[in-house]
Amino acid sequence: MFISRFSLSIAFLFLLVPTSLLAKEKLKIGVTWDYTASGFFSPEVVELIANKVIVNSPAAKAGLEVGHKVISIEGCEIPGCSASIAKDFLKMPIGSVLHLVVETSNGNTKEINIEVGKA
C-alpha cells in the first residue's frame, strides 16, 4: 500500500494536534506550532517552533513567544523526540505543568513551564 508524503504529514499532524481541538473538555496552553518530522514507522520530531501564542494564555504568561524553538519537551530532546511521546506531552491533564526548554530568537536558552488549563 502506497502512502503519500502528504498523507503521512496529515497523519503526523494529528499526532501533534493538542487535544483542545479534539476533546470535549479542552486542553489549553494557547500556542500553535510549526513542526517538521522524519521517519515513517516511528516518526521523530525534528523541529518544533511556536508560530502563534495567544495573549494572556498560559503559554504567554509562562513567557513563550512566537519564534521560540523547542529544544526539549519534558526532557525529550528535539531533534529526536518520538512523535508519539510528544503527543502524550500535549495531552497532559489540566492542572499539570508542561516543561519546555526553548531557544530564543537571540540564541539563548530559556526554561518555560506552562500550566495546562481549560479553554
PDB file of N, CA and C in Angstrom:
ATOM      1  N   MET A   1       0.846  -1.185   0.000  1.00  0.00           N
ATOM      2  CA  MET A   1       0.000   0.000   0.000  1.00  0.00           C
ATOM      3  C   MET A   1       0.889   1.244   0.000  1.00  0.00           C
ATOM      4  N   PHE A   2       0.598   2.167  -0.867  1.00  0.00           N
ATOM      5  CA  PHE A   2       1.389   3.384  -1.012  1.00  0.00           C
ATOM      6  C   PHE A   2       0.776   4.497  -0.185  1.00  0.00           C
ATOM      7  N   ILE A   3       1.575   5.106   0.657  1.00  0.00           N
ATOM      8  CA  ILE A   3       1.126   6.257   1.444  1.00  0.00           C
ATOM      9  C   ILE A   3       1.946   7.453   0.992  1.00  0.00           C
ATOM     10  N   SER A   4       1.273   8.473   0.531  1.00  0.00           N
ATOM     11  CA  SER A   4       1.981   9.649   0.040  1.00  0.00           C
ATOM     12  C   SER A   4       2.587  10.445   1.184  1.00  0.00           C
ATOM     13  N   ARG A   5       3.541  11.283   0.847  1.00  0.00           N
ATOM     14  CA  ARG A   5       4.166  12.164   1.840  1.00  0.00           C
ATOM     15  C   ARG A   5       3.110  13.085   2.457  1.00  0.00           C
ATOM     16  N   PHE A   6       2.136  13.506   1.628  1.00  0.00           N
ATOM     17  CA  PHE A   6       1.057  14.357   2.133  1.00  0.00           C
ATOM     18  C   PHE A   6       0.236  13.613   3.182  1.00  0.00           C
ATOM     19  N   SER A   7      -0.110  12.359   2.906  1.00  0.00           N
ATOM     20  CA  SER A   7      -0.885  11.565   3.863  1.00  0.00           C
ATOM     21  C   SER A   7      -0.120  11.386   5.156  1.00  0.00           C
ATOM     22  N   LEU A   8       1.178  11.130   5.042  1.00  0.00           N
ATOM     23  CA  LEU A   8       1.999  10.976   6.235  1.00  0.00           C
ATOM     24  C   LEU A   8       2.035  12.275   7.030  1.00  0.00           C
ATOM     25  N   SER A   9       2.124  13.408   6.324  1.00  0.00           N
ATOM     26  CA  SER A   9       2.134  14.703   7.006  1.00  0.00           C
ATOM     27  C   SER A   9       0.824  14.940   7.742  1.00  0.00           C
ATOM     28  N   ILE A  10      -0.281  14.595   7.120  1.00  0.00           N
ATOM     29  CA  ILE A  10      -1.585  14.769   7.756  1.00  0.00           C
ATOM     30  C   ILE A  10      -1.685  13.850   8.972  1.00  0.00           C
ATOM     31  N   ALA A  11      -1.239  12.601   8.834  1.00  0.00           N
ATOM     32  CA  ALA A  11      -1.274  11.667   9.959  1.00  0.00           C
ATOM     33  C   ALA A  11      -0.424  12.196  11.108  1.00  0.00           C
ATOM     34  N   PHE A  12       0.753  12.731  10.805  1.00  0.00           N
ATOM     35  CA  PHE A  12       1.620  13.254  11.854  1.00  0.00           C
ATOM     36  C   PHE A  12       1.010  14.492  12.493  1.00  0.00           C
ATOM     37  N   LEU A  13       0.333  15.297  11.689  1.00  0.00           N
ATOM     38  CA  LEU A  13      -0.336  16.478  12.226  1.00  0.00           C
ATOM     39  C   LEU A  13      -1.290  16.069  13.339  1.00  0.00           C
ATOM     40  N   PHE A  14      -2.040  14.998  13.137  1.00  0.00           N
ATOM     41  CA  PHE A  14      -2.970  14.544  14.165  1.00  0.00           C
ATOM     42  C   PHE A  14      -2.245  14.051  15.404  1.00  0.00           C
ATOM     43  N   LEU A  15      -1.002  13.602  15.264  1.00  0.00           N
ATOM     44  CA  LEU A  15      -0.235  13.200  16.438  1.00  0.00           C
ATOM     45  C   LEU A  15       0.136  14.408  17.286  1.00  0.00           C
ATOM     46  N   LEU A  16       0.330  15.567  16.651  1.00  0.00           N
ATOM     47  CA  LEU A  16       0.765  16.742  17.386  1.00  0.00           C
ATOM     48  C   LEU A  16      -0.349  17.734  17.701  1.00  0.00           C
ATOM     49  N   VAL A  17      -1.556  17.496  17.179  1.00  0.00           N
ATOM     50  CA  VAL A  17      -2.652  18.421  17.450  1.00  0.00           C
ATOM     51  C   VAL A  17      -3.009  18.329  18.923  1.00  0.00           C
ATOM     52  N   PRO A  18      -2.982  19.436  19.635  1.00  0.00           N
ATOM     53  CA  PRO A  18      -3.391  19.411  21.039  1.00  0.00           C
ATOM     54  C   PRO A  18      -4.820  18.911  21.159  1.00  0.00           C
ATOM     55  N   THR A  19      -5.104  18.240  22.242  1.00  0.00           N
ATOM     56  CA  THR A  19      -6.449  17.714  22.428  1.00  0.00           C
ATOM     57  C   THR A  19      -7.476  18.821  22.501  1.00  0.00           C
ATOM     58  N   SER A  20      -7.049  20.071  22.603  1.00  0.00           N
ATOM     59  CA  SER A  20      -8.005  21.186  22.626  1.00  0.00           C
ATOM     60  C   SER A  20      -8.828  21.215  21.351  1.00  0.00           C
ATOM     61  N   LEU A  21      -8.287  20.665  20.280  1.00  0.00           N
ATOM     62  CA  LEU A  21      -9.029  20.654  19.033  1.00  0.00           C
ATOM     63  C   LEU A  21      -9.831  19.370  18.869  1.00  0.00           C
ATOM     64  N   LEU A  22      -9.617  18.391  19.743  1.00  0.00           N
ATOM     65  CA  LEU A  22     -10.236  17.094  19.569  1.00  0.00           C
ATOM     66  C   LEU A  22     -11.154  16.674  20.716  1.00  0.00           C
ATOM     67  N   ALA A  23     -10.963  17.175  21.903  1.00  0.00           N
ATOM     68  CA  ALA A  23     -11.685  16.682  23.073  1.00  0.00           C
ATOM     69  C   ALA A  23     -12.797  17.633  23.487  1.00  0.00           C
ATOM     70  N   LYS A  24     -13.766  17.092  24.231  1.00  0.00           N
ATOM     71  CA  LYS A  24     -14.861  17.929  24.703  1.00  0.00           C
ATOM     72  C   LYS A  24     -14.367  18.904  25.770  1.00  0.00           C
ATOM     73  N   GLU A  25     -13.650  18.402  26.796  1.00  0.00           N
ATOM     74  CA  GLU A  25     -13.043  19.305  27.773  1.00  0.00           C
ATOM     75  C   GLU A  25     -11.691  19.687  27.197  1.00  0.00           C
ATOM     76  N   LYS A  26     -11.538  20.925  26.853  1.00  0.00           N
ATOM     77  CA  LYS A  26     -10.405  21.343  26.045  1.00  0.00           C
ATOM     78  C   LYS A  26      -9.154  21.612  26.866  1.00  0.00           C
ATOM     79  N   LEU A  27      -8.047  21.104  26.365  1.00  0.00           N
ATOM     80  CA  LEU A  27      -6.735  21.415  26.912  1.00  0.00           C
ATOM     81  C   LEU A  27      -6.338  22.757  26.320  1.00  0.00           C
ATOM     82  N   LYS A  28      -5.820  23.639  27.139  1.00  0.00           N
ATOM     83  CA  LYS A  28      -5.472  24.945  26.599  1.00  0.00           C
ATOM     84  C   LYS A  28      -4.143  25.402  27.158  1.00  0.00           C
ATOM     85  N   ILE A  29      -3.191  25.590  26.232  1.00  0.00           N
ATOM     86  CA  ILE A  29      -1.952  26.245  26.616  1.00  0.00           C
ATOM     87  C   ILE A  29      -1.800  27.537  25.826  1.00  0.00           C
ATOM     88  N   GLY A  30      -2.562  27.660  24.728  1.00  0.00           N
ATOM     89  CA  GLY A  30      -2.588  28.909  23.985  1.00  0.00           C
ATOM     90  C   GLY A  30      -1.465  29.086  22.997  1.00  0.00           C
ATOM     91  N   VAL A  31      -1.047  28.000  22.358  1.00  0.00           N
ATOM     92  CA  VAL A  31       0.024  28.092  21.375  1.00  0.00           C
ATOM     93  C   VAL A  31      -0.251  27.124  20.222  1.00  0.00           C
ATOM     94  N   THR A  32       0.100  27.542  19.012  1.00  0.00           N
ATOM     95  CA  THR A  32       0.113  26.638  17.869  1.00  0.00           C
ATOM     96  C   THR A  32       1.552  26.525  17.399  1.00  0.00           C
ATOM     97  N   TRP A  33       1.844  25.410  16.732  1.00  0.00           N
ATOM     98  CA  TRP A  33       3.230  25.069  16.406  1.00  0.00           C
ATOM     99  C   TRP A  33       3.465  24.887  14.922  1.00  0.00           C
ATOM    100  N   ASP A  34       4.659  25.225  14.467  1.00  0.00           N
ATOM    101  CA  ASP A  34       5.197  24.773  13.192  1.00  0.00           C
ATOM    102  C   ASP A  34       6.139  23.638  13.550  1.00  0.00           C
ATOM    103  N   TYR A  35       6.118  22.578  12.787  1.00  0.00           N
ATOM    104  CA  TYR A  35       6.980  21.450  13.108  1.00  0.00           C
ATOM    105  C   TYR A  35       7.432  20.741  11.839  1.00  0.00           C
ATOM    106  N   THR A  36       8.510  20.006  11.971  1.00  0.00           N
ATOM    107  CA  THR A  36       8.932  19.066  10.941  1.00  0.00           C
ATOM    108  C   THR A  36       9.232  17.756  11.647  1.00  0.00           C
ATOM    109  N   ALA A  37       9.058  16.677  10.906  1.00  0.00           N
ATOM    110  CA  ALA A  37       9.293  15.348  11.458  1.00  0.00           C
ATOM    111  C   ALA A  37       9.943  14.486  10.390  1.00  0.00           C
ATOM    112  N   SER A  38      10.587  13.431  10.830  1.00  0.00           N
ATOM    113  CA  SER A  38      11.168  12.482   9.891  1.00  0.00           C
ATOM    114  C   SER A  38      10.888  11.071  10.376  1.00  0.00           C
ATOM    115  N   GLY A  39      10.896  10.155   9.439  1.00  0.00           N
ATOM    116  CA  GLY A  39      10.650   8.755   9.756  1.00  0.00           C
ATOM    117  C   GLY A  39       9.247   8.358   9.380  1.00  0.00           C
ATOM    118  N   PHE A  40       9.082   7.076   9.113  1.00  0.00           N
ATOM    119  CA  PHE A  40       7.780   6.572   8.690  1.00  0.00           C
ATOM    120  C   PHE A  40       7.124   5.755   9.782  1.00  0.00           C
ATOM    121  N   PHE A  41       7.773   4.688  10.219  1.00  0.00           N
ATOM    122  CA  PHE A  41       7.174   3.806  11.212  1.00  0.00           C
ATOM    123  C   PHE A  41       7.257   4.380  12.624  1.00  0.00           C
ATOM    124  N   SER A  42       8.309   5.093  12.930  1.00  0.00           N
ATOM    125  CA  SER A  42       8.482   5.720  14.241  1.00  0.00           C
ATOM    126  C   SER A  42       8.943   7.158  14.039  1.00  0.00           C
ATOM    127  N   PRO A  43       8.039   8.036  13.606  1.00  0.00           N
ATOM    128  CA  PRO A  43       8.458   9.409  13.311  1.00  0.00           C
ATOM    129  C   PRO A  43       9.021  10.117  14.532  1.00  0.00           C
ATOM    130  N   GLU A  44      10.021  10.950  14.270  1.00  0.00           N
ATOM    131  CA  GLU A  44      10.636  11.768  15.311  1.00  0.00           C
ATOM    132  C   GLU A  44      10.483  13.230  14.949  1.00  0.00           C
ATOM    133  N   VAL A  45      10.291  14.044  15.966  1.00  0.00           N
ATOM    134  CA  VAL A  45      10.187  15.485  15.764  1.00  0.00           C
ATOM    135  C   VAL A  45      11.587  16.026  15.484  1.00  0.00           C
ATOM    136  N   VAL A  46      11.729  16.744  14.387  1.00  0.00           N
ATOM    137  CA  VAL A  46      12.999  17.350  14.011  1.00  0.00           C
ATOM    138  C   VAL A  46      13.050  18.794  14.491  1.00  0.00           C
ATOM    139  N   GLU A  47      11.907  19.484  14.414  1.00  0.00           N
ATOM    140  CA  GLU A  47      11.859  20.893  14.802  1.00  0.00           C
ATOM    141  C   GLU A  47      10.449  21.220  15.266  1.00  0.00           C
ATOM    142  N   LEU A  48      10.345  22.011  16.332  1.00  0.00           N
ATOM    143  CA  LEU A  48       9.063  22.442  16.887  1.00  0.00           C
ATOM    144  C   LEU A  48       9.210  23.905  17.291  1.00  0.00           C
ATOM    145  N   ILE A  49       8.482  24.784  16.587  1.00  0.00           N
ATOM    146  CA  ILE A  49       8.616  26.227  16.791  1.00  0.00           C
ATOM    147  C   ILE A  49       7.237  26.832  17.048  1.00  0.00           C
ATOM    148  N   ALA A  50       7.136  27.678  18.064  1.00  0.00           N
ATOM    149  CA  ALA A  50       5.875  28.377  18.347  1.00  0.00           C
ATOM    150  C   ALA A  50       5.594  29.367  17.222  1.00  0.00           C
ATOM    151  N   ASN A  51       4.427  29.212  16.557  1.00  0.00           N
ATOM    152  CA  ASN A  51       4.103  30.155  15.479  1.00  0.00           C
ATOM    153  C   ASN A  51       2.985  31.111  15.855  1.00  0.00           C
ATOM    154  N   LYS A  52       2.258  30.820  16.954  1.00  0.00           N
ATOM    155  CA  LYS A  52       1.238  31.739  17.447  1.00  0.00           C
ATOM    156  C   LYS A  52       1.080  31.503  18.942  1.00  0.00           C
ATOM    157  N   VAL A  53       1.136  32.560  19.715  1.00  0.00           N
ATOM    158  CA  VAL A  53       0.923  32.486  21.158  1.00  0.00           C
ATOM    159  C   VAL A  53      -0.187  33.475  21.495  1.00  0.00           C
ATOM    160  N   ILE A  54      -1.270  32.968  22.045  1.00  0.00           N
ATOM    161  CA  ILE A  54      -2.432  33.800  22.348  1.00  0.00           C
ATOM    162  C   ILE A  54      -2.141  34.667  23.573  1.00  0.00           C
ATOM    163  N   VAL A  55      -2.479  35.945  23.460  1.00  0.00           N
ATOM    164  CA  VAL A  55      -2.275  36.900  24.544  1.00  0.00           C
ATOM    165  C   VAL A  55      -3.010  36.419  25.798  1.00  0.00           C
ATOM    166  N   ASN A  56      -2.364  36.524  26.945  1.00  0.00           N
ATOM    167  CA  ASN A  56      -2.899  36.129  28.251  1.00  0.00           C
ATOM    168  C   ASN A  56      -3.180  34.633  28.398  1.00  0.00           C
ATOM    169  N   SER A  57      -2.682  33.825  27.471  1.00  0.00           N
ATOM    170  CA  SER A  57      -2.834  32.375  27.584  1.00  0.00           C
ATOM    171  C   SER A  57      -1.809  31.839  28.587  1.00  0.00           C
ATOM    172  N   PRO A  58      -1.972  30.593  29.028  1.00  0.00           N
ATOM    173  CA  PRO A  58      -0.961  30.012  29.903  1.00  0.00           C
ATOM    174  C   PRO A  58       0.448  30.057  29.295  1.00  0.00           C
ATOM    175  N   ALA A  59       0.564  29.817  27.988  1.00  0.00           N
ATOM    176  CA  ALA A  59       1.877  29.863  27.332  1.00  0.00           C
ATOM    177  C   ALA A  59       2.463  31.268  27.381  1.00  0.00           C
ATOM    178  N   ALA A  60       1.643  32.270  27.093  1.00  0.00           N
ATOM    179  CA  ALA A  60       2.116  33.660  27.128  1.00  0.00           C
ATOM    180  C   ALA A  60       2.523  34.056  28.536  1.00  0.00           C
ATOM    181  N   LYS A  61       1.714  33.679  29.519  1.00  0.00           N
ATOM    182  CA  LYS A  61       2.024  34.011  30.903  1.00  0.00           C
ATOM    183  C   LYS A  61       3.313  33.344  31.369  1.00  0.00           C
ATOM    184  N   ALA A  62       3.629  32.178  30.786  1.00  0.00           N
ATOM    185  CA  ALA A  62       4.855  31.463  31.147  1.00  0.00           C
ATOM    186  C   ALA A  62       6.085  32.022  30.431  1.00  0.00           C
ATOM    187  N   GLY A  63       5.873  32.900  29.438  1.00  0.00           N
ATOM    188  CA  GLY A  63       6.992  33.521  28.739  1.00  0.00           C
ATOM    189  C   GLY A  63       7.295  32.961  27.367  1.00  0.00           C
ATOM    190  N   LEU A  64       6.451  32.066  26.849  1.00  0.00           N
ATOM    191  CA  LEU A  64       6.665  31.550  25.496  1.00  0.00           C
ATOM    192  C   LEU A  64       6.301  32.625  24.486  1.00  0.00           C
ATOM    193  N   GLU A  65       7.126  32.776  23.472  1.00  0.00           N
ATOM    194  CA  GLU A  65       6.899  33.788  22.437  1.00  0.00           C
ATOM    195  C   GLU A  65       6.970  33.154  21.057  1.00  0.00           C
ATOM    196  N   VAL A  66       6.328  33.824  20.098  1.00  0.00           N
ATOM    197  CA  VAL A  66       6.398  33.386  18.710  1.00  0.00           C
ATOM    198  C   VAL A  66       7.871  33.310  18.302  1.00  0.00           C
ATOM    199  N   GLY A  67       8.225  32.225  17.633  1.00  0.00           N
ATOM    200  CA  GLY A  67       9.595  32.043  17.168  1.00  0.00           C
ATOM    201  C   GLY A  67      10.463  31.231  18.118  1.00  0.00           C
ATOM    202  N   HIS A  68      10.010  31.032  19.349  1.00  0.00           N
ATOM    203  CA  HIS A  68      10.785  30.188  20.254  1.00  0.00           C
ATOM    204  C   HIS A  68      10.831  28.771  19.690  1.00  0.00           C
ATOM    205  N   LYS A  69      12.032  28.219  19.635  1.00  0.00           N
ATOM    206  CA  LYS A  69      12.262  26.872  19.107  1.00  0.00           C
ATOM    207  C   LYS A  69      12.436  25.922  20.290  1.00  0.00           C
ATOM    208  N   VAL A  70      11.587  24.905  20.371  1.00  0.00           N
ATOM    209  CA  VAL A  70      11.659  23.954  21.472  1.00  0.00           C
ATOM    210  C   VAL A  70      12.852  23.029  21.249  1.00  0.00           C
ATOM    211  N   ILE A  71      13.721  22.964  22.248  1.00  0.00           N
ATOM    212  CA  ILE A  71      14.858  22.044  22.158  1.00  0.00           C
ATOM    213  C   ILE A  71      14.690  20.877  23.125  1.00  0.00           C
ATOM    214  N   SER A  72      13.691  20.965  24.009  1.00  0.00           N
ATOM    215  CA  SER A  72      13.379  19.866  24.923  1.00  0.00           C
ATOM    216  C   SER A  72      11.949  20.040  25.409  1.00  0.00           C
ATOM    217  N   ILE A  73      11.188  18.947  25.389  1.00  0.00           N
ATOM    218  CA  ILE A  73       9.836  18.939  25.928  1.00  0.00           C
ATOM    219  C   ILE A  73       9.778  17.811  26.958  1.00  0.00           C
ATOM    220  N   GLU A  74       9.609  18.180  28.226  1.00  0.00           N
ATOM    221  CA  GLU A  74       9.602  17.221  29.326  1.00  0.00           C
ATOM    222  C   GLU A  74      10.861  16.348  29.304  1.00  0.00           C
ATOM    223  N   GLY A  75      12.001  16.949  28.954  1.00  0.00           N
ATOM    224  CA  GLY A  75      13.271  16.234  28.941  1.00  0.00           C
ATOM    225  C   GLY A  75      13.542  15.450  27.671  1.00  0.00           C
ATOM    226  N   CYS A  76      12.594  15.393  26.770  1.00  0.00           N
ATOM    227  CA  CYS A  76      12.770  14.687  25.499  1.00  0.00           C
ATOM    228  C   CYS A  76      13.380  15.670  24.496  1.00  0.00           C
ATOM    229  N   GLU A  77      14.610  15.393  24.079  1.00  0.00           N
ATOM    230  CA  GLU A  77      15.361  16.316  23.232  1.00  0.00           C
ATOM    231  C   GLU A  77      14.810  16.383  21.807  1.00  0.00           C
ATOM    232  N   ILE A  78      14.790  17.587  21.261  1.00  0.00           N
ATOM    233  CA  ILE A  78      14.406  17.829  19.874  1.00  0.00           C
ATOM    234  C   ILE A  78      15.599  18.480  19.188  1.00  0.00           C
ATOM    235  N   PRO A  79      16.105  17.908  18.103  1.00  0.00           N
ATOM    236  CA  PRO A  79      15.514  16.817  17.327  1.00  0.00           C
ATOM    237  C   PRO A  79      15.704  15.468  18.010  1.00  0.00           C
ATOM    238  N   GLY A  80      14.815  14.538  17.640  1.00  0.00           N
ATOM    239  CA  GLY A  80      14.938  13.171  18.098  1.00  0.00           C
ATOM    240  C   GLY A  80      13.817  12.661  18.967  1.00  0.00           C
ATOM    241  N   CYS A  81      13.000  13.537  19.517  1.00  0.00           N
ATOM    242  CA  CYS A  81      11.896  13.095  20.374  1.00  0.00           C
ATOM    243  C   CYS A  81      10.852  12.373  19.511  1.00  0.00           C
ATOM    244  N   SER A  82      10.418  11.230  19.967  1.00  0.00           N
ATOM    245  CA  SER A  82       9.390  10.466  19.264  1.00  0.00           C
ATOM    246  C   SER A  82       8.104  11.290  19.154  1.00  0.00           C
ATOM    247  N   ALA A  83       7.474  11.241  17.983  1.00  0.00           N
ATOM    248  CA  ALA A  83       6.215  11.970  17.802  1.00  0.00           C
ATOM    249  C   ALA A  83       5.146  11.466  18.760  1.00  0.00           C
ATOM    250  N   SER A  84       5.137  10.179  19.046  1.00  0.00           N
ATOM    251  CA  SER A  84       4.124   9.648  19.963  1.00  0.00           C
ATOM    252  C   SER A  84       4.360  10.147  21.392  1.00  0.00           C
ATOM    253  N   ILE A  85       5.609  10.303  21.781  1.00  0.00           N
ATOM    254  CA  ILE A  85       5.908  10.855  23.108  1.00  0.00           C
ATOM    255  C   ILE A  85       5.499  12.327  23.163  1.00  0.00           C
ATOM    256  N   ALA A  86       5.828  13.087  22.101  1.00  0.00           N
ATOM    257  CA  ALA A  86       5.431  14.497  22.051  1.00  0.00           C
ATOM    258  C   ALA A  86       3.914  14.625  22.141  1.00  0.00           C
ATOM    259  N   LYS A  87       3.206  13.731  21.462  1.00  0.00           N
ATOM    260  CA  LYS A  87       1.745  13.731  21.508  1.00  0.00           C
ATOM    261  C   LYS A  87       1.255  13.524  22.939  1.00  0.00           C
ATOM    262  N   ASP A  88       1.859  12.582  23.648  1.00  0.00           N
ATOM    263  CA  ASP A  88       1.467  12.330  25.032  1.00  0.00           C
ATOM    264  C   ASP A  88       1.676  13.569  25.905  1.00  0.00           C
ATOM    265  N   PHE A  89       2.768  14.290  25.681  1.00  0.00           N
ATOM    266  CA  PHE A  89       3.015  15.503  26.461  1.00  0.00           C
ATOM    267  C   PHE A  89       1.954  16.553  26.183  1.00  0.00           C
ATOM    268  N   LEU A  90       1.492  16.630  24.932  1.00  0.00           N
ATOM    269  CA  LEU A  90       0.476  17.618  24.585  1.00  0.00           C
ATOM    270  C   LEU A  90      -0.904  17.230  25.120  1.00  0.00           C
ATOM    271  N   LYS A  91      -1.049  16.015  25.625  1.00  0.00           N
ATOM    272  CA  LYS A  91      -2.316  15.576  26.200  1.00  0.00           C
ATOM    273  C   LYS A  91      -2.259  15.560  27.726  1.00  0.00           C
ATOM    274  N   MET A  92      -1.324  16.287  28.299  1.00  0.00           N
ATOM    275  CA  MET A  92      -1.202  16.317  29.759  1.00  0.00           C
ATOM    276  C   MET A  92      -2.500  16.826  30.370  1.00  0.00           C
ATOM    277  N   PRO A  93      -2.859  16.308  31.530  1.00  0.00           N
ATOM    278  CA  PRO A  93      -4.132  16.709  32.144  1.00  0.00           C
ATOM    279  C   PRO A  93      -4.125  18.164  32.620  1.00  0.00           C
ATOM    280  N   ILE A  94      -5.308  18.721  32.650  1.00  0.00           N
ATOM    281  CA  ILE A  94      -5.494  20.085  33.129  1.00  0.00           C
ATOM    282  C   ILE A  94      -4.960  20.184  34.551  1.00  0.00           C
ATOM    283  N   GLY A  95      -4.236  21.254  34.812  1.00  0.00           N
ATOM    284  CA  GLY A  95      -3.639  21.473  36.114  1.00  0.00           C
ATOM    285  C   GLY A  95      -2.191  21.025  36.194  1.00  0.00           C
ATOM    286  N   SER A  96      -1.748  20.228  35.216  1.00  0.00           N
ATOM    287  CA  SER A  96      -0.346  19.809  35.212  1.00  0.00           C
ATOM    288  C   SER A  96       0.514  20.906  34.585  1.00  0.00           C
ATOM    289  N   VAL A  97       1.818  20.744  34.676  1.00  0.00           N
ATOM    290  CA  VAL A  97       2.750  21.734  34.151  1.00  0.00           C
ATOM    291  C   VAL A  97       3.585  21.092  33.041  1.00  0.00           C
ATOM    292  N   LEU A  98       3.593  21.725  31.885  1.00  0.00           N
ATOM    293  CA  LEU A  98       4.385  21.289  30.740  1.00  0.00           C
ATOM    294  C   LEU A  98       5.723  22.019  30.789  1.00  0.00           C
ATOM    295  N   HIS A  99       6.818  21.254  30.861  1.00  0.00           N
ATOM    296  CA  HIS A  99       8.164  21.821  30.970  1.00  0.00           C
ATOM    297  C   HIS A  99       8.850  21.813  29.606  1.00  0.00           C
ATOM    298  N   LEU A 100       9.237  22.994  29.154  1.00  0.00           N
ATOM    299  CA  LEU A 100       9.938  23.141  27.883  1.00  0.00           C
ATOM    300  C   LEU A 100      11.271  23.834  28.106  1.00  0.00           C
ATOM    301  N   VAL A 101      12.236  23.529  27.261  1.00  0.00           N
ATOM    302  CA  VAL A 101      13.443  24.337  27.138  1.00  0.00           C
ATOM    303  C   VAL A 101      13.408  24.839  25.709  1.00  0.00           C
ATOM    304  N   VAL A 102      13.515  26.151  25.545  1.00  0.00           N
ATOM    305  CA  VAL A 102      13.421  26.754  24.216  1.00  0.00           C
ATOM    306  C   VAL A 102      14.673  27.553  23.909  1.00  0.00           C
ATOM    307  N   GLU A 103      14.885  27.718  22.621  1.00  0.00           N
ATOM    308  CA  GLU A 103      15.934  28.622  22.135  1.00  0.00           C
ATOM    309  C   GLU A 103      15.224  29.883  21.680  1.00  0.00           C
ATOM    310  N   THR A 104      15.635  31.015  22.223  1.00  0.00           N
ATOM    311  CA  THR A 104      15.009  32.293  21.882  1.00  0.00           C
ATOM    312  C   THR A 104      15.571  32.822  20.568  1.00  0.00           C
ATOM    313  N   SER A 105      14.991  33.901  20.084  1.00  0.00           N
ATOM    314  CA  SER A 105      15.423  34.480  18.809  1.00  0.00           C
ATOM    315  C   SER A 105      16.864  34.970  18.834  1.00  0.00           C
ATOM    316  N   ASN A 106      17.397  35.277  20.022  1.00  0.00           N
ATOM    317  CA  ASN A 106      18.795  35.723  20.096  1.00  0.00           C
ATOM    318  C   ASN A 106      19.759  34.571  20.388  1.00  0.00           C
ATOM    319  N   GLY A 107      19.239  33.319  20.374  1.00  0.00           N
ATOM    320  CA  GLY A 107      20.100  32.157  20.541  1.00  0.00           C
ATOM    321  C   GLY A 107      20.286  31.681  21.971  1.00  0.00           C
ATOM    322  N   ASN A 108      19.731  32.383  22.938  1.00  0.00           N
ATOM    323  CA  ASN A 108      19.822  31.950  24.331  1.00  0.00           C
ATOM    324  C   ASN A 108      18.815  30.830  24.594  1.00  0.00           C
ATOM    325  N   THR A 109      19.082  30.027  25.618  1.00  0.00           N
ATOM    326  CA  THR A 109      18.111  29.013  26.022  1.00  0.00           C
ATOM    327  C   THR A 109      17.355  29.512  27.249  1.00  0.00           C
ATOM    328  N   LYS A 110      16.115  29.052  27.352  1.00  0.00           N
ATOM    329  CA  LYS A 110      15.234  29.516  28.416  1.00  0.00           C
ATOM    330  C   LYS A 110      14.302  28.372  28.801  1.00  0.00           C
ATOM    331  N   GLU A 111      14.097  28.172  30.099  1.00  0.00           N
ATOM    332  CA  GLU A 111      13.132  27.193  30.570  1.00  0.00           C
ATOM    333  C   GLU A 111      11.757  27.848  30.640  1.00  0.00           C
ATOM    334  N   ILE A 112      10.753  27.126  30.144  1.00  0.00           N
ATOM    335  CA  ILE A 112       9.371  27.605  30.146  1.00  0.00           C
ATOM    336  C   ILE A 112       8.527  26.531  30.826  1.00  0.00           C
ATOM    337  N   ASN A 113       7.721  26.917  31.798  1.00  0.00           N
ATOM    338  CA  ASN A 113       6.824  25.992  32.483  1.00  0.00           C
ATOM    339  C   ASN A 113       5.389  26.490  32.294  1.00  0.00           C
ATOM    340  N   ILE A 114       4.613  25.746  31.526  1.00  0.00           N
ATOM    341  CA  ILE A 114       3.253  26.167  31.166  1.00  0.00           C
ATOM    342  C   ILE A 114       2.244  25.333  31.954  1.00  0.00           C
ATOM    343  N   GLU A 115       1.409  26.014  32.737  1.00  0.00           N
ATOM    344  CA  GLU A 115       0.345  25.298  33.453  1.00  0.00           C
ATOM    345  C   GLU A 115      -0.822  25.065  32.498  1.00  0.00           C
ATOM    346  N   VAL A 116      -1.164  23.802  32.318  1.00  0.00           N
ATOM    347  CA  VAL A 116      -2.231  23.422  31.398  1.00  0.00           C
ATOM    348  C   VAL A 116      -3.563  23.834  32.010  1.00  0.00           C
ATOM    349  N   GLY A 117      -4.397  24.506  31.190  1.00  0.00           N
ATOM    350  CA  GLY A 117      -5.684  24.992  31.676  1.00  0.00           C
ATOM    351  C   GLY A 117      -6.824  24.636  30.753  1.00  0.00           C
ATOM    352  N   LYS A 118      -8.030  25.008  31.149  1.00  0.00           N
ATOM    353  CA  LYS A 118      -9.219  24.763  30.346  1.00  0.00           C
ATOM    354  C   LYS A 118      -9.483  25.943  29.429  1.00  0.00           C
ATOM    355  N   ALA A 119     -10.092  25.640  28.299  1.00  0.00           N
ATOM    356  CA  ALA A 119     -10.497  26.696  27.358  1.00  0.00           C
ATOM    357  C   ALA A 119     -11.781  27.324  27.843  1.00  0.00           C
TER     358      ALA A 119
END
